[in-house]
């Protein structure tokens, strides 16, 4: 039997992908102002949590190819402190993704700021791309569950979502809501849409996503996907902001799971049924380091072959 309803309200803030301003400092000031306004608006809508897109502190949103443009945000520092103060003022939880420095590690982090302005936990992206690692980003080593005052959340930051194992582990560890901050763009909308919605179906858990948006008419294929919003436990779209800049808010029931006749010959909570029907003894290859190293060697061989087959460069080239 299902438990009584436990309704929460969540928001996704879709900041502009392209900030107005002539200087980096001017853009940073505008970005912080927009962040604070969105947090206030979400609180006025009685949201329990607002999530922003990955690298919410970077004025270029990770689009820049200059390493010098990637300045890690100190945790804590003036930028984070300003967010925390507004979270406290308006009594709202904030999931704030930043390119930052925590201790000695530079990485893509999600800071969990509670209703009294405290940083209660930090998630470090576990699957940064090679390009990100060349910027100095250190991969995280833990798929963690963060306890907020309304429930347990797990995070898949951008590239993390490409691996079904991430969502599965978060489900097994007790996540009630999956967060997906990202900057996804050029891989194609069909790929993104199917993968994003599949993680909800895989786990029977709702997913809250946040990206970046554009002024009306400015979006074209190949740009960041936008479409901040929420996916229900069955993979259906609960709310979707589209391409525009703004906030989207919706209600979720963390107790009423998706009831399906999955594996067992009667209707059960899908998340519980998936947990109970798994066969871990068959999945050892997923954690076998030899399988990974075999693929790494194959990539290295292909790179060597590519260099050997490349035409020689002339002095004019």
C-alpha atoms as a PDB file:
ATOM      1  CA  UNK A   1       0.000   0.000   0.000  1.00  0.00           C
ATOM      2  CA  UNK A   2       1.241   3.475  -0.884  1.00  0.00           C
ATOM      3  CA  UNK A   3       2.029   5.933   1.898  1.00  0.00           C
ATOM      4  CA  UNK A   4       0.245   9.245   2.340  1.00  0.00           C
ATOM      5  CA  UNK A   5       1.189  11.946  -0.121  1.00  0.00           C
ATOM      6  CA  UNK A   6       4.317  14.002   0.486  1.00  0.00           C
ATOM      7  CA  UNK A   7       4.040  16.962  -1.856  1.00  0.00           C
ATOM      8  CA  UNK A   8       6.988  19.199  -2.596  1.00  0.00           C
ATOM      9  CA  UNK A   9       7.386  22.076  -5.025  1.00  0.00           C
ATOM     10  CA  UNK A  10      10.538  22.398  -7.117  1.00  0.00           C
ATOM     11  CA  UNK A  11      11.819  25.044  -9.516  1.00  0.00           C
ATOM     12  CA  UNK A  12      14.439  25.146 -12.249  1.00  0.00           C
ATOM     13  CA  UNK A  13      16.068  28.474 -13.028  1.00  0.00           C
ATOM     14  CA  UNK A  14      16.987  28.846 -16.698  1.00  0.00           C
ATOM     15  CA  UNK A  15      19.556  31.641 -16.769  1.00  0.00           C
ATOM     16  CA  UNK A  16      20.550  33.289 -20.068  1.00  0.00           C
ATOM     17  CA  UNK A  17      23.166  31.375 -22.027  1.00  0.00           C
ATOM     18  CA  UNK A  18      24.514  34.687 -23.324  1.00  0.00           C
ATOM     19  CA  UNK A  19      24.895  37.511 -20.830  1.00  0.00           C
ATOM     20  CA  UNK A  20      24.766  41.161 -21.801  1.00  0.00           C
ATOM     21  CA  UNK A  21      27.741  43.299 -20.833  1.00  0.00           C
ATOM     22  CA  UNK A  22      31.039  44.574 -22.212  1.00  0.00           C
ATOM     23  CA  UNK A  23      33.369  43.267 -19.541  1.00  0.00           C
ATOM     24  CA  UNK A  24      33.688  40.051 -17.601  1.00  0.00           C
ATOM     25  CA  UNK A  25      32.945  41.894 -14.372  1.00  0.00           C
ATOM     26  CA  UNK A  26      29.822  43.510 -15.801  1.00  0.00           C
ATOM     27  CA  UNK A  27      28.550  40.113 -16.947  1.00  0.00           C
ATOM     28  CA  UNK A  28      29.299  38.551 -13.563  1.00  0.00           C
ATOM     29  CA  UNK A  29      27.333  41.266 -11.770  1.00  0.00           C
ATOM     30  CA  UNK A  30      24.386  40.786 -14.106  1.00  0.00           C
ATOM     31  CA  UNK A  31      24.552  37.023 -13.653  1.00  0.00           C
ATOM     32  CA  UNK A  32      24.509  37.266  -9.851  1.00  0.00           C
ATOM     33  CA  UNK A  33      21.602  39.718  -9.981  1.00  0.00           C
ATOM     34  CA  UNK A  34      19.594  37.296 -12.141  1.00  0.00           C
ATOM     35  CA  UNK A  35      20.412  34.366  -9.847  1.00  0.00           C
ATOM     36  CA  UNK A  36      19.234  36.272  -6.786  1.00  0.00           C
ATOM     37  CA  UNK A  37      16.045  37.392  -8.540  1.00  0.00           C
ATOM     38  CA  UNK A  38      15.226  33.829  -9.600  1.00  0.00           C
ATOM     39  CA  UNK A  39      15.783  32.494  -6.085  1.00  0.00           C
ATOM     40  CA  UNK A  40      13.439  35.171  -4.712  1.00  0.00           C
ATOM     41  CA  UNK A  41      10.809  34.372  -7.352  1.00  0.00           C
ATOM     42  CA  UNK A  42      10.993  30.631  -6.646  1.00  0.00           C
ATOM     43  CA  UNK A  43      10.573  31.331  -2.929  1.00  0.00           C
ATOM     44  CA  UNK A  44       7.545  33.525  -3.650  1.00  0.00           C
ATOM     45  CA  UNK A  45       6.107  30.560  -5.543  1.00  0.00           C
ATOM     46  CA  UNK A  46       6.633  28.521  -2.330  1.00  0.00           C
ATOM     47  CA  UNK A  47       9.213  26.226  -3.884  1.00  0.00           C
ATOM     48  CA  UNK A  48      11.177  23.937  -1.601  1.00  0.00           C
ATOM     49  CA  UNK A  49      14.159  23.855  -3.971  1.00  0.00           C
ATOM     50  CA  UNK A  50      15.544  25.713  -6.969  1.00  0.00           C
ATOM     51  CA  UNK A  51      18.158  24.170  -9.282  1.00  0.00           C
ATOM     52  CA  UNK A  52      20.331  26.027 -11.818  1.00  0.00           C
ATOM     53  CA  UNK A  53      22.358  24.863 -14.823  1.00  0.00           C
ATOM     54  CA  UNK A  54      25.933  23.590 -14.582  1.00  0.00           C
ATOM     55  CA  UNK A  55      28.613  26.297 -14.188  1.00  0.00           C
ATOM     56  CA  UNK A  56      26.017  28.863 -13.108  1.00  0.00           C
ATOM     57  CA  UNK A  57      28.835  31.153 -11.955  1.00  0.00           C
ATOM     58  CA  UNK A  58      30.695  31.297 -15.297  1.00  0.00           C
ATOM     59  CA  UNK A  59      29.630  34.294 -17.347  1.00  0.00           C
ATOM     60  CA  UNK A  60      30.441  32.399 -20.580  1.00  0.00           C
ATOM     61  CA  UNK A  61      28.639  29.208 -19.428  1.00  0.00           C
ATOM     62  CA  UNK A  62      31.624  26.975 -20.386  1.00  0.00           C
ATOM     63  CA  UNK A  63      31.464  28.086 -24.035  1.00  0.00           C
ATOM     64  CA  UNK A  64      34.871  29.810 -23.923  1.00  0.00           C
ATOM     65  CA  UNK A  65      37.870  27.865 -25.236  1.00  0.00           C
ATOM     66  CA  UNK A  66      40.335  30.029 -23.273  1.00  0.00           C
ATOM     67  CA  UNK A  67      41.684  28.333 -20.175  1.00  0.00           C
ATOM     68  CA  UNK A  68      42.212  31.764 -18.606  1.00  0.00           C
ATOM     69  CA  UNK A  69      38.420  32.319 -18.636  1.00  0.00           C
ATOM     70  CA  UNK A  70      37.897  29.438 -16.234  1.00  0.00           C
ATOM     71  CA  UNK A  71      38.445  31.062 -12.860  1.00  0.00           C
ATOM     72  CA  UNK A  72      37.315  28.766 -10.037  1.00  0.00           C
ATOM     73  CA  UNK A  73      34.871  30.205  -7.545  1.00  0.00           C
ATOM     74  CA  UNK A  74      36.129  29.945  -3.962  1.00  0.00           C
ATOM     75  CA  UNK A  75      33.848  27.916  -1.699  1.00  0.00           C
ATOM     76  CA  UNK A  76      32.949  29.880   0.191  1.00  0.00           C
ATOM     77  CA  UNK A  77      33.526  33.353  -1.268  1.00  0.00           C
ATOM     78  CA  UNK A  78      31.562  36.530  -2.082  1.00  0.00           C
ATOM     79  CA  UNK A  79      29.551  34.931  -4.910  1.00  0.00           C
ATOM     80  CA  UNK A  80      28.484  31.892  -2.887  1.00  0.00           C
ATOM     81  CA  UNK A  81      27.918  33.990   0.226  1.00  0.00           C
ATOM     82  CA  UNK A  82      25.512  36.250  -1.682  1.00  0.00           C
ATOM     83  CA  UNK A  83      23.491  33.239  -2.839  1.00  0.00           C
ATOM     84  CA  UNK A  84      23.468  31.793   0.683  1.00  0.00           C
ATOM     85  CA  UNK A  85      22.230  35.077   2.156  1.00  0.00           C
ATOM     86  CA  UNK A  86      19.262  35.191  -0.226  1.00  0.00           C
ATOM     87  CA  UNK A  87      18.464  31.501   0.372  1.00  0.00           C
ATOM     88  CA  UNK A  88      18.347  32.301   4.099  1.00  0.00           C
ATOM     89  CA  UNK A  89      16.296  35.467   3.635  1.00  0.00           C
ATOM     90  CA  UNK A  90      13.653  33.686   1.561  1.00  0.00           C
ATOM     91  CA  UNK A  91      13.834  30.304   3.331  1.00  0.00           C
ATOM     92  CA  UNK A  92      14.490  28.142   0.269  1.00  0.00           C
ATOM     93  CA  UNK A  93      16.901  25.338  -0.569  1.00  0.00           C
ATOM     94  CA  UNK A  94      19.240  26.085  -3.477  1.00  0.00           C
ATOM     95  CA  UNK A  95      21.206  23.608  -5.607  1.00  0.00           C
ATOM     96  CA  UNK A  96      23.945  25.820  -7.045  1.00  0.00           C
ATOM     97  CA  UNK A  97      26.315  24.367  -9.680  1.00  0.00           C
ATOM     98  CA  UNK A  98      29.664  26.173  -9.887  1.00  0.00           C
ATOM     99  CA  UNK A  99      33.071  25.867 -11.442  1.00  0.00           C
ATOM    100  CA  UNK A 100      34.857  26.135  -8.160  1.00  0.00           C
ATOM    101  CA  UNK A 101      37.652  25.279  -5.789  1.00  0.00           C
ATOM    102  CA  UNK A 102      36.937  23.227  -2.702  1.00  0.00           C
ATOM    103  CA  UNK A 103      40.030  22.539  -0.655  1.00  0.00           C
ATOM    104  CA  UNK A 104      42.755  21.872  -3.221  1.00  0.00           C
ATOM    105  CA  UNK A 105      40.456  20.490  -5.935  1.00  0.00           C
ATOM    106  CA  UNK A 106      39.086  22.479  -8.876  1.00  0.00           C
ATOM    107  CA  UNK A 107      35.948  20.859 -10.238  1.00  0.00           C
ATOM    108  CA  UNK A 108      32.344  21.147 -11.334  1.00  0.00           C
ATOM    109  CA  UNK A 109      30.459  21.205  -8.038  1.00  0.00           C
ATOM    110  CA  UNK A 110      26.858  21.440  -6.931  1.00  0.00           C
ATOM    111  CA  UNK A 111      26.538  23.270  -3.624  1.00  0.00           C
ATOM    112  CA  UNK A 112      23.491  22.423  -1.545  1.00  0.00           C
ATOM    113  CA  UNK A 113      22.470  25.504   0.410  1.00  0.00           C
ATOM    114  CA  UNK A 114      19.673  25.070   2.937  1.00  0.00           C
ATOM    115  CA  UNK A 115      16.930  27.410   4.116  1.00  0.00           C
ATOM    116  CA  UNK A 116      19.148  28.992   6.760  1.00  0.00           C
ATOM    117  CA  UNK A 117      21.965  29.732   4.310  1.00  0.00           C
ATOM    118  CA  UNK A 118      24.313  26.900   5.219  1.00  0.00           C
ATOM    119  CA  UNK A 119      26.216  24.737   2.734  1.00  0.00           C
ATOM    120  CA  UNK A 120      25.048  21.343   3.966  1.00  0.00           C
ATOM    121  CA  UNK A 121      26.682  19.216   1.266  1.00  0.00           C
ATOM    122  CA  UNK A 122      28.671  19.379  -1.984  1.00  0.00           C
ATOM    123  CA  UNK A 123      28.511  17.051  -4.977  1.00  0.00           C
ATOM    124  CA  UNK A 124      31.573  16.827  -7.221  1.00  0.00           C
ATOM    125  CA  UNK A 125      30.918  15.816 -10.834  1.00  0.00           C
ATOM    126  CA  UNK A 126      32.132  12.240 -11.320  1.00  0.00           C
ATOM    127  CA  UNK A 127      32.397  12.077 -15.125  1.00  0.00           C
ATOM    128  CA  UNK A 128      34.022  15.290 -16.434  1.00  0.00           C
ATOM    129  CA  UNK A 129      35.004  15.101 -20.089  1.00  0.00           C
ATOM    130  CA  UNK A 130      38.613  15.032 -21.270  1.00  0.00           C
ATOM    131  CA  UNK A 131      38.261  18.674 -22.306  1.00  0.00           C
ATOM    132  CA  UNK A 132      37.086  19.569 -18.799  1.00  0.00           C
ATOM    133  CA  UNK A 133      39.912  17.631 -17.181  1.00  0.00           C
ATOM    134  CA  UNK A 134      42.375  19.593 -19.336  1.00  0.00           C
ATOM    135  CA  UNK A 135      40.942  22.713 -17.687  1.00  0.00           C
ATOM    136  CA  UNK A 136      42.022  21.272 -14.353  1.00  0.00           C
ATOM    137  CA  UNK A 137      38.712  19.704 -13.318  1.00  0.00           C
ATOM    138  CA  UNK A 138      39.200  16.837 -10.893  1.00  0.00           C
ATOM    139  CA  UNK A 139      36.607  14.019 -11.086  1.00  0.00           C
ATOM    140  CA  UNK A 140      34.625  13.316  -7.957  1.00  0.00           C
ATOM    141  CA  UNK A 141      34.798   9.884  -6.374  1.00  0.00           C
ATOM    142  CA  UNK A 142      31.378   9.558  -4.753  1.00  0.00           C
ATOM    143  CA  UNK A 143      27.799   9.232  -5.957  1.00  0.00           C
ATOM    144  CA  UNK A 144      26.223  10.797  -2.914  1.00  0.00           C
ATOM    145  CA  UNK A 145      22.773  11.221  -1.529  1.00  0.00           C
ATOM    146  CA  UNK A 146      22.079  14.651  -0.054  1.00  0.00           C
ATOM    147  CA  UNK A 147      19.551  14.916   2.769  1.00  0.00           C
ATOM    148  CA  UNK A 148      17.417  18.042   2.415  1.00  0.00           C
ATOM    149  CA  UNK A 149      14.570  18.967   4.740  1.00  0.00           C
ATOM    150  CA  UNK A 150      11.985  17.590   2.300  1.00  0.00           C
ATOM    151  CA  UNK A 151      13.749  14.405   1.165  1.00  0.00           C
ATOM    152  CA  UNK A 152      16.810  12.703  -0.333  1.00  0.00           C
ATOM    153  CA  UNK A 153      18.246  13.867  -3.656  1.00  0.00           C
ATOM    154  CA  UNK A 154      20.939  12.503  -5.952  1.00  0.00           C
ATOM    155  CA  UNK A 155      22.767  14.453  -8.649  1.00  0.00           C
ATOM    156  CA  UNK A 156      23.857  13.660 -12.197  1.00  0.00           C
ATOM    157  CA  UNK A 157      25.827  16.634 -13.520  1.00  0.00           C
ATOM    158  CA  UNK A 158      25.798  16.862 -17.329  1.00  0.00           C
ATOM    159  CA  UNK A 159      28.026  14.002 -18.577  1.00  0.00           C
ATOM    160  CA  UNK A 160      27.128  11.908 -15.521  1.00  0.00           C
ATOM    161  CA  UNK A 161      23.720  11.164 -17.048  1.00  0.00           C
ATOM    162  CA  UNK A 162      25.332   9.308 -19.966  1.00  0.00           C
ATOM    163  CA  UNK A 163      25.950   6.331 -17.666  1.00  0.00           C
ATOM    164  CA  UNK A 164      22.782   4.481 -16.561  1.00  0.00           C
ATOM    165  CA  UNK A 165      24.757   3.084 -13.622  1.00  0.00           C
ATOM    166  CA  UNK A 166      24.837   6.538 -12.002  1.00  0.00           C
ATOM    167  CA  UNK A 167      21.048   6.817 -11.748  1.00  0.00           C
ATOM    168  CA  UNK A 168      20.802   3.166 -10.689  1.00  0.00           C
ATOM    169  CA  UNK A 169      23.294   3.606  -7.839  1.00  0.00           C
ATOM    170  CA  UNK A 170      21.546   6.772  -6.651  1.00  0.00           C
ATOM    171  CA  UNK A 171      18.252   4.869  -6.700  1.00  0.00           C
ATOM    172  CA  UNK A 172      19.725   1.984  -4.689  1.00  0.00           C
ATOM    173  CA  UNK A 173      21.109   4.447  -2.144  1.00  0.00           C
ATOM    174  CA  UNK A 174      17.684   5.891  -1.501  1.00  0.00           C
ATOM    175  CA  UNK A 175      17.337   8.935  -3.755  1.00  0.00           C
ATOM    176  CA  UNK A 176      13.779  10.239  -4.011  1.00  0.00           C
ATOM    177  CA  UNK A 177      14.559  12.894  -6.643  1.00  0.00           C
ATOM    178  CA  UNK A 178      17.309  13.067  -9.281  1.00  0.00           C
ATOM    179  CA  UNK A 179      18.843  16.444 -10.209  1.00  0.00           C
ATOM    180  CA  UNK A 180      20.317  17.036 -13.667  1.00  0.00           C
ATOM    181  CA  UNK A 181      22.165  20.364 -14.052  1.00  0.00           C
ATOM    182  CA  UNK A 182      23.862  20.570 -17.447  1.00  0.00           C
ATOM    183  CA  UNK A 183      25.085  22.560 -20.440  1.00  0.00           C
ATOM    184  CA  UNK A 184      24.164  20.016 -23.096  1.00  0.00           C
ATOM    185  CA  UNK A 185      24.013  21.319 -26.627  1.00  0.00           C
ATOM    186  CA  UNK A 186      25.346  19.847 -29.851  1.00  0.00           C
ATOM    187  CA  UNK A 187      24.754  16.120 -29.321  1.00  0.00           C
ATOM    188  CA  UNK A 188      21.248  16.419 -30.682  1.00  0.00           C
ATOM    189  CA  UNK A 189      17.890  16.923 -29.056  1.00  0.00           C
ATOM    190  CA  UNK A 190      16.560  13.419 -29.706  1.00  0.00           C
ATOM    191  CA  UNK A 191      19.558  11.849 -27.977  1.00  0.00           C
ATOM    192  CA  UNK A 192      19.211  14.243 -25.045  1.00  0.00           C
ATOM    193  CA  UNK A 193      15.449  13.840 -24.723  1.00  0.00           C
ATOM    194  CA  UNK A 194      15.493  10.032 -24.741  1.00  0.00           C
ATOM    195  CA  UNK A 195      18.408   9.741 -22.328  1.00  0.00           C
ATOM    196  CA  UNK A 196      17.002  12.326 -19.912  1.00  0.00           C
ATOM    197  CA  UNK A 197      13.565  10.724 -19.776  1.00  0.00           C
ATOM    198  CA  UNK A 198      14.988   7.201 -19.659  1.00  0.00           C
ATOM    199  CA  UNK A 199      16.684   7.852 -16.320  1.00  0.00           C
ATOM    200  CA  UNK A 200      13.252   8.412 -14.794  1.00  0.00           C
ATOM    201  CA  UNK A 201      11.903   5.222 -16.374  1.00  0.00           C
ATOM    202  CA  UNK A 202      15.025   3.254 -15.340  1.00  0.00           C
ATOM    203  CA  UNK A 203      14.573   4.157 -11.684  1.00  0.00           C
ATOM    204  CA  UNK A 204      10.941   5.129 -11.206  1.00  0.00           C
ATOM    205  CA  UNK A 205      12.186   8.484  -9.862  1.00  0.00           C
ATOM    206  CA  UNK A 206      11.343  12.046 -10.942  1.00  0.00           C
ATOM    207  CA  UNK A 207      14.128  14.094 -12.537  1.00  0.00           C
ATOM    208  CA  UNK A 208      14.596  17.870 -12.251  1.00  0.00           C
ATOM    209  CA  UNK A 209      16.720  19.411 -15.022  1.00  0.00           C
ATOM    210  CA  UNK A 210      18.279  22.858 -15.451  1.00  0.00           C
ATOM    211  CA  UNK A 211      20.142  24.331 -18.421  1.00  0.00           C
ATOM    212  CA  UNK A 212      20.395  27.829 -19.983  1.00  0.00           C
ATOM    213  CA  UNK A 213      18.054  29.782 -22.233  1.00  0.00           C
ATOM    214  CA  UNK A 214      17.867  32.475 -24.895  1.00  0.00           C
ATOM    215  CA  UNK A 215      15.873  35.536 -25.789  1.00  0.00           C
ATOM    216  CA  UNK A 216      12.910  34.811 -28.009  1.00  0.00           C
ATOM    217  CA  UNK A 217      14.065  33.996 -31.540  1.00  0.00           C
ATOM    218  CA  UNK A 218      17.768  33.649 -30.688  1.00  0.00           C
ATOM    219  CA  UNK A 219      17.891  29.866 -30.294  1.00  0.00           C
ATOM    220  CA  UNK A 220      19.150  27.768 -33.213  1.00  0.00           C
ATOM    221  CA  UNK A 221      20.049  24.049 -33.403  1.00  0.00           C
ATOM    222  CA  UNK A 222      23.461  23.347 -31.916  1.00  0.00           C
ATOM    223  CA  UNK A 223      23.065  25.818 -29.074  1.00  0.00           C
ATOM    224  CA  UNK A 224      22.404  24.749 -25.482  1.00  0.00           C
ATOM    225  CA  UNK A 225      19.235  22.722 -25.315  1.00  0.00           C
ATOM    226  CA  UNK A 226      17.391  24.805 -22.714  1.00  0.00           C
ATOM    227  CA  UNK A 227      14.213  22.932 -21.714  1.00  0.00           C
ATOM    228  CA  UNK A 228      14.711  23.155 -17.972  1.00  0.00           C
ATOM    229  CA  UNK A 229      11.918  21.305 -16.216  1.00  0.00           C
ATOM    230  CA  UNK A 230      10.833  18.065 -14.603  1.00  0.00           C
ATOM    231  CA  UNK A 231      10.214  14.513 -15.760  1.00  0.00           C
ATOM    232  CA  UNK A 232       7.785  12.220 -13.978  1.00  0.00           C
ATOM    233  CA  UNK A 233       8.437   8.687 -12.821  1.00  0.00           C
ATOM    234  CA  UNK A 234       7.029   7.255 -16.060  1.00  0.00           C
ATOM    235  CA  UNK A 235       9.234   9.410 -18.299  1.00  0.00           C
ATOM    236  CA  UNK A 236       6.487  11.907 -19.078  1.00  0.00           C
ATOM    237  CA  UNK A 237       7.207  15.649 -19.178  1.00  0.00           C
ATOM    238  CA  UNK A 238       5.681  17.373 -16.146  1.00  0.00           C
ATOM    239  CA  UNK A 239       6.935  20.868 -17.001  1.00  0.00           C
ATOM    240  CA  UNK A 240       9.303  22.232 -19.643  1.00  0.00           C
ATOM    241  CA  UNK A 241      10.412  25.864 -20.022  1.00  0.00           C
ATOM    242  CA  UNK A 242      11.453  25.473 -23.643  1.00  0.00           C
ATOM    243  CA  UNK A 243      14.274  27.738 -24.846  1.00  0.00           C
ATOM    244  CA  UNK A 244      13.447  30.942 -23.011  1.00  0.00           C
ATOM    245  CA  UNK A 245      15.052  32.514 -19.965  1.00  0.00           C
ATOM    246  CA  UNK A 246      13.006  32.189 -16.779  1.00  0.00           C
ATOM    247  CA  UNK A 247      11.769  29.842 -14.066  1.00  0.00           C
ATOM    248  CA  UNK A 248       9.613  26.751 -14.277  1.00  0.00           C
ATOM    249  CA  UNK A 249       7.940  25.320 -11.184  1.00  0.00           C
ATOM    250  CA  UNK A 250       5.973  22.162 -10.539  1.00  0.00           C
ATOM    251  CA  UNK A 251       4.738  19.943  -7.711  1.00  0.00           C
ATOM    252  CA  UNK A 252       5.980  16.418  -7.029  1.00  0.00           C
ATOM    253  CA  UNK A 253       4.736  13.725  -4.666  1.00  0.00           C
ATOM    254  CA  UNK A 254       7.743  11.935  -3.217  1.00  0.00           C
ATOM    255  CA  UNK A 255       5.674   9.161  -1.656  1.00  0.00           C
ATOM    256  CA  UNK A 256       3.364   8.092  -4.468  1.00  0.00           C
ATOM    257  CA  UNK A 257       5.553   5.931  -6.672  1.00  0.00           C
ATOM    258  CA  UNK A 258       4.816   4.628 -10.123  1.00  0.00           C
ATOM    259  CA  UNK A 259       2.693   1.506  -9.636  1.00  0.00           C
ATOM    260  CA  UNK A 260       3.320  -1.038 -12.394  1.00  0.00           C
ATOM    261  CA  UNK A 261       3.201  -4.780 -12.910  1.00  0.00           C
ATOM    262  CA  UNK A 262       6.938  -4.916 -13.507  1.00  0.00           C
ATOM    263  CA  UNK A 263       8.698  -8.306 -13.094  1.00  0.00           C
ATOM    264  CA  UNK A 264       6.385  -9.318 -10.245  1.00  0.00           C
ATOM    265  CA  UNK A 265       2.854 -10.554 -11.148  1.00  0.00           C
ATOM    266  CA  UNK A 266       1.156  -7.722  -9.287  1.00  0.00           C
ATOM    267  CA  UNK A 267       1.367  -3.966  -9.170  1.00  0.00           C
ATOM    268  CA  UNK A 268       4.202  -2.647  -7.047  1.00  0.00           C
ATOM    269  CA  UNK A 269       6.138   0.579  -6.680  1.00  0.00           C
ATOM    270  CA  UNK A 270       8.420   0.429  -9.712  1.00  0.00           C
ATOM    271  CA  UNK A 271      11.483   1.663  -7.816  1.00  0.00           C
ATOM    272  CA  UNK A 272      11.043  -1.089  -5.235  1.00  0.00           C
ATOM    273  CA  UNK A 273      10.427  -3.700  -7.941  1.00  0.00           C
ATOM    274  CA  UNK A 274      13.561  -2.691  -9.865  1.00  0.00           C
ATOM    275  CA  UNK A 275      15.643  -2.919  -6.689  1.00  0.00           C
ATOM    276  CA  UNK A 276      14.218  -6.331  -5.806  1.00  0.00           C
ATOM    277  CA  UNK A 277      14.520  -7.881  -9.275  1.00  0.00           C
ATOM    278  CA  UNK A 278      18.093  -6.878 -10.080  1.00  0.00           C
ATOM    279  CA  UNK A 279      20.716  -9.629 -10.458  1.00  0.00           C
ATOM    280  CA  UNK A 280      24.007  -8.048  -9.324  1.00  0.00           C
ATOM    281  CA  UNK A 281      25.916 -11.281  -9.914  1.00  0.00           C
ATOM    282  CA  UNK A 282      25.459 -10.748 -13.671  1.00  0.00           C
ATOM    283  CA  UNK A 283      26.782  -7.180 -13.748  1.00  0.00           C
ATOM    284  CA  UNK A 284      30.388  -7.694 -12.624  1.00  0.00           C
ATOM    285  CA  UNK A 285      31.765  -6.490 -15.972  1.00  0.00           C
ATOM    286  CA  UNK A 286      30.436  -3.015 -15.195  1.00  0.00           C
ATOM    287  CA  UNK A 287      32.903  -2.704 -12.316  1.00  0.00           C
ATOM    288  CA  UNK A 288      35.774  -4.645 -13.905  1.00  0.00           C
ATOM    289  CA  UNK A 289      38.678  -2.232 -14.380  1.00  0.00           C
ATOM    290  CA  UNK A 290      40.099  -4.508 -17.094  1.00  0.00           C
ATOM    291  CA  UNK A 291      37.126  -3.761 -19.347  1.00  0.00           C
ATOM    292  CA  UNK A 292      37.791  -0.035 -19.062  1.00  0.00           C
ATOM    293  CA  UNK A 293      41.528  -0.371 -19.693  1.00  0.00           C
ATOM    294  CA  UNK A 294      40.866  -2.517 -22.757  1.00  0.00           C
ATOM    295  CA  UNK A 295      38.768   0.293 -24.240  1.00  0.00           C
ATOM    296  CA  UNK A 296      41.393   2.896 -23.270  1.00  0.00           C
ATOM    297  CA  UNK A 297      44.108   0.928 -25.089  1.00  0.00           C
ATOM    298  CA  UNK A 298      41.905   0.652 -28.158  1.00  0.00           C
ATOM    299  CA  UNK A 299      41.434   4.435 -28.205  1.00  0.00           C
ATOM    300  CA  UNK A 300      45.169   4.963 -27.796  1.00  0.00           C
ATOM    301  CA  UNK A 301      45.907   2.608 -30.713  1.00  0.00           C
ATOM    302  CA  UNK A 302      43.389   4.396 -32.915  1.00  0.00           C
ATOM    303  CA  UNK A 303      45.045   7.747 -32.091  1.00  0.00           C
ATOM    304  CA  UNK A 304      48.449   6.350 -33.069  1.00  0.00           C
ATOM    305  CA  UNK A 305      47.031   4.991 -36.332  1.00  0.00           C
ATOM    306  CA  UNK A 306      45.432   8.378 -37.005  1.00  0.00           C
ATOM    307  CA  UNK A 307      48.719  10.223 -36.536  1.00  0.00           C
ATOM    308  CA  UNK A 308      50.551   7.786 -38.827  1.00  0.00           C
ATOM    309  CA  UNK A 309      47.966   8.095 -41.593  1.00  0.00           C
ATOM    310  CA  UNK A 310      47.777  11.902 -41.439  1.00  0.00           C
ATOM    311  CA  UNK A 311      49.336  13.628 -44.468  1.00  0.00           C
ATOM    312  CA  UNK A 312      52.686  15.286 -43.737  1.00  0.00           C
ATOM    313  CA  UNK A 313      52.529  19.014 -43.146  1.00  0.00           C
ATOM    314  CA  UNK A 314      54.457  21.398 -45.365  1.00  0.00           C
ATOM    315  CA  UNK A 315      56.168  24.531 -44.116  1.00  0.00           C
ATOM    316  CA  UNK A 316      53.348  26.618 -45.606  1.00  0.00           C
ATOM    317  CA  UNK A 317      50.802  24.766 -43.499  1.00  0.00           C
END
